[in-house]
């Protein structure tokens, strides 16, 4: 069917427009397709990484419960070496640190906690690692190092625990008045949510005469 004059003019305009911009449009479409494919590929990669890291963390957690130091060490090493950017790596290091601390292997516990402080994926993990490392340093009688950690800026959610640990450290240094002030701050910041924590701090305060 022959095209009328108006249709011929429109077709000619379209051909001229396509000749001028067609290569740019094609390139844009190709770039968009490549970007989408890359995004999908990255999502698949992240899911794969998370799944493998999760499996290693499960192995580590089971080893911790079973008291299997070799399995825990192997799984932990794999997590930190191969999947350091996952949340599972930080969780694994914290779990391993507790395992070592309970067995009085303070050197290994400190190494795990320091890794979280330096590489942890979230502020909460880093804040928790500092708090636990301060406990290890307190056990080592490295009081000034512990206090330096406890004075590091941290989330408000950890304020009560940090204050209580400062109290313990100051008391170990025989700074009774400062320890009492720290325990009072811990009580103030704890609210009414954690009854066991509040009772523990209250007992320490009572021992100092309130």
Protein backbone atom coordinates (compact mmCIF):
# COMPACT_ATOMS: atom_id res chain seq x y z
CA UNK A 1 0.00 0.00 0.00
CA UNK A 2 1.57 3.30 -1.09
CA UNK A 3 2.35 5.85 1.57
CA UNK A 4 0.69 9.25 1.30
CA UNK A 5 2.78 12.38 1.25
CA UNK A 6 2.48 13.06 5.00
CA UNK A 7 3.53 9.51 5.89
CA UNK A 8 6.49 9.73 3.52
CA UNK A 9 7.60 12.96 5.16
CA UNK A 10 7.31 11.41 8.64
CA UNK A 11 9.31 8.38 7.55
CA UNK A 12 11.98 10.58 6.05
CA UNK A 13 12.18 12.60 9.27
CA UNK A 14 12.48 9.44 11.33
CA UNK A 15 15.25 8.08 9.11
CA UNK A 16 17.13 11.36 9.37
CA UNK A 17 16.67 11.43 13.16
CA UNK A 18 17.78 7.80 13.50
CA UNK A 19 20.80 8.43 11.31
CA UNK A 20 21.82 11.27 13.64
CA UNK A 21 21.02 9.67 17.02
CA UNK A 22 20.62 5.96 16.37
CA UNK A 23 24.17 4.99 17.30
CA UNK A 24 23.92 6.92 20.57
CA UNK A 25 20.61 5.25 21.45
CA UNK A 26 21.99 1.81 20.62
CA UNK A 27 25.05 2.48 22.76
CA UNK A 28 22.86 3.66 25.64
CA UNK A 29 20.70 0.54 25.41
CA UNK A 30 23.76 -1.71 25.34
CA UNK A 31 25.27 0.14 28.32
CA UNK A 32 22.01 -0.19 30.26
CA UNK A 33 21.86 -3.91 29.51
CA UNK A 34 25.47 -4.38 30.58
CA UNK A 35 24.87 -2.40 33.78
CA UNK A 36 21.81 -4.50 34.59
CA UNK A 37 23.74 -7.70 33.91
CA UNK A 38 26.60 -6.49 36.11
CA UNK A 39 24.17 -5.57 38.90
CA UNK A 40 22.52 -8.98 38.70
CA UNK A 41 25.93 -10.62 38.67
CA UNK A 42 27.01 -8.65 41.76
CA UNK A 43 23.83 -9.61 43.59
CA UNK A 44 24.47 -13.25 42.75
CA UNK A 45 28.08 -12.90 43.90
CA UNK A 46 27.04 -11.31 47.21
CA UNK A 47 24.44 -14.02 47.83
CA UNK A 48 27.03 -16.68 47.05
CA UNK A 49 29.58 -15.06 49.36
CA UNK A 50 27.02 -14.74 52.16
CA UNK A 51 25.95 -18.36 51.78
CA UNK A 52 29.51 -19.68 51.92
CA UNK A 53 30.41 -17.38 54.82
CA UNK A 54 27.25 -18.47 56.65
CA UNK A 55 28.22 -22.11 56.28
CA UNK A 56 31.66 -21.40 57.74
CA UNK A 57 30.17 -19.44 60.61
CA UNK A 58 27.83 -22.31 61.39
CA UNK A 59 30.85 -24.63 61.51
CA UNK A 60 32.66 -22.21 63.81
CA UNK A 61 29.67 -21.83 66.14
CA UNK A 62 29.23 -25.60 66.38
CA UNK A 63 32.95 -25.99 67.11
CA UNK A 64 32.71 -23.41 69.89
CA UNK A 65 29.85 -25.32 71.52
CA UNK A 66 31.70 -28.61 71.14
CA UNK A 67 34.97 -27.16 72.42
CA UNK A 68 36.76 -28.16 69.22
CA UNK A 69 39.60 -25.61 69.06
CA UNK A 70 41.03 -26.88 65.75
CA UNK A 71 37.71 -26.77 63.89
CA UNK A 72 37.02 -23.33 65.30
CA UNK A 73 40.44 -22.06 64.29
CA UNK A 74 40.14 -23.48 60.76
CA UNK A 75 36.63 -22.10 60.20
CA UNK A 76 37.57 -18.74 61.71
CA UNK A 77 40.66 -18.46 59.54
CA UNK A 78 38.61 -19.20 56.44
CA UNK A 79 36.03 -16.59 57.36
CA UNK A 80 38.49 -13.78 58.00
CA UNK A 81 40.68 -14.58 55.03
CA UNK A 82 38.05 -15.25 52.36
CA UNK A 83 34.94 -13.37 53.49
CA UNK A 84 36.16 -10.39 55.54
CA UNK A 85 33.47 -8.05 54.19
CA UNK A 86 30.57 -10.17 55.41
CA UNK A 87 28.78 -9.79 58.72
CA UNK A 88 29.55 -13.44 59.39
CA UNK A 89 33.26 -12.64 59.60
CA UNK A 90 32.69 -10.18 62.46
CA UNK A 91 30.29 -12.57 64.17
CA UNK A 92 32.81 -15.37 63.83
CA UNK A 93 35.65 -13.30 65.27
CA UNK A 94 33.51 -12.28 68.27
CA UNK A 95 32.50 -15.90 68.85
CA UNK A 96 36.10 -17.05 68.60
CA UNK A 97 37.23 -14.30 70.99
CA UNK A 98 34.77 -15.49 73.62
CA UNK A 99 35.91 -19.07 73.10
CA UNK A 100 39.55 -18.13 73.66
CA UNK A 101 38.76 -15.82 76.59
CA UNK A 102 36.89 -18.56 78.42
CA UNK A 103 39.98 -20.76 78.03
CA UNK A 104 42.29 -18.03 79.28
CA UNK A 105 43.97 -17.67 75.88
CA UNK A 106 43.97 -13.89 76.13
CA UNK A 107 46.42 -13.36 73.27
CA UNK A 108 44.14 -15.11 70.78
CA UNK A 109 41.05 -13.40 72.19
CA UNK A 110 42.69 -9.98 71.78
CA UNK A 111 43.70 -10.74 68.19
CA UNK A 112 40.12 -11.64 67.24
CA UNK A 113 38.67 -8.55 68.92
CA UNK A 114 41.27 -6.27 67.37
CA UNK A 115 40.33 -7.65 63.95
CA UNK A 116 36.70 -6.68 64.52
CA UNK A 117 37.69 -3.20 65.70
CA UNK A 118 39.73 -2.69 62.53
CA UNK A 119 37.56 -4.53 59.99
CA UNK A 120 34.07 -4.91 61.48
CA UNK A 121 31.26 -4.16 59.03
CA UNK A 122 29.10 -2.19 61.46
CA UNK A 123 29.62 0.30 64.27
CA UNK A 124 27.75 -2.02 66.65
CA UNK A 125 30.22 -4.83 66.07
CA UNK A 126 33.16 -2.46 66.57
CA UNK A 127 31.64 -1.01 69.76
CA UNK A 128 31.02 -4.49 71.14
CA UNK A 129 34.56 -5.59 70.27
CA UNK A 130 36.04 -2.59 72.11
CA UNK A 131 33.93 -3.36 75.16
CA UNK A 132 35.07 -6.99 75.20
CA UNK A 133 38.68 -6.07 74.55
CA UNK A 134 38.52 -3.72 77.53
CA UNK A 135 37.44 -6.71 79.64
CA UNK A 136 40.46 -8.69 78.43
CA UNK A 137 42.78 -5.76 79.18
CA UNK A 138 41.22 -5.46 82.64
CA UNK A 139 42.04 -9.12 83.25
CA UNK A 140 45.61 -8.39 82.15
CA UNK A 141 45.73 -5.40 84.55
CA UNK A 142 46.33 -3.10 81.56
CA UNK A 143 44.04 -0.53 83.12
CA UNK A 144 45.07 2.55 81.19
CA UNK A 145 44.73 0.75 77.86
CA UNK A 146 41.27 -0.45 78.87
CA UNK A 147 40.18 3.06 79.87
CA UNK A 148 41.46 4.45 76.57
CA UNK A 149 39.24 1.99 74.72
CA UNK A 150 36.26 2.72 76.95
CA UNK A 151 36.60 6.46 76.30
CA UNK A 152 36.32 5.90 72.54
CA UNK A 153 33.09 7.35 71.08
CA UNK A 154 30.41 4.69 70.87
CA UNK A 155 26.69 4.27 70.27
CA UNK A 156 24.28 5.40 72.99
CA UNK A 157 22.95 1.84 73.21
CA UNK A 158 26.29 0.76 74.70
CA UNK A 159 26.67 3.66 77.15
CA UNK A 160 25.52 1.73 80.23
CA UNK A 161 27.84 -1.22 79.54
CA UNK A 162 30.79 1.07 78.81
CA UNK A 163 30.16 3.04 82.02
CA UNK A 164 29.97 -0.14 84.10
CA UNK A 165 33.23 -1.40 82.61
CA UNK A 166 34.86 1.95 83.31
CA UNK A 167 33.69 1.55 86.90
CA UNK A 168 35.28 -1.89 87.15
CA UNK A 169 38.54 -0.61 85.68
CA UNK A 170 38.67 2.49 87.89
CA UNK A 171 37.92 0.38 90.95
CA UNK A 172 40.81 -1.92 90.02
CA UNK A 173 43.00 1.20 90.01
CA UNK A 174 41.68 2.08 93.50
CA UNK A 175 39.96 5.19 92.16
CA UNK A 176 36.87 4.56 94.26
CA UNK A 177 35.11 7.91 93.83
CA UNK A 178 35.48 7.78 90.04
CA UNK A 179 34.33 4.15 89.99
CA UNK A 180 31.23 5.07 92.01
CA UNK A 181 30.43 7.88 89.55
CA UNK A 182 30.82 5.49 86.62
CA UNK A 183 28.48 2.93 88.21
CA UNK A 184 25.88 5.63 88.85
CA UNK A 185 26.09 6.65 85.21
CA UNK A 186 25.64 3.01 84.19
CA UNK A 187 22.47 2.83 86.30
CA UNK A 188 21.20 6.06 84.80
CA UNK A 189 21.83 4.98 81.21
CA UNK A 190 20.52 1.41 81.58
CA UNK A 191 16.87 2.41 81.93
CA UNK A 192 14.50 -0.30 83.11
CA UNK A 193 15.10 -2.84 80.34
CA UNK A 194 17.89 -5.07 81.64
CA UNK A 195 17.01 -6.01 85.22
CA UNK A 196 19.96 -8.41 85.62
CA UNK A 197 22.44 -5.76 84.47
CA UNK A 198 20.97 -3.13 86.77
CA UNK A 199 21.07 -5.50 89.73
CA UNK A 200 24.71 -6.31 89.02
CA UNK A 201 25.66 -2.62 88.90
CA UNK A 202 23.56 -1.88 92.00
CA UNK A 203 25.43 -4.55 93.96
CA UNK A 204 28.76 -3.03 92.95
CA UNK A 205 27.51 0.39 94.00
CA UNK A 206 26.28 -0.92 97.34
CA UNK A 207 29.69 -2.48 97.95
CA UNK A 208 31.18 1.02 97.60
CA UNK A 209 28.65 2.52 99.97
CA UNK A 210 26.14 3.62 97.32
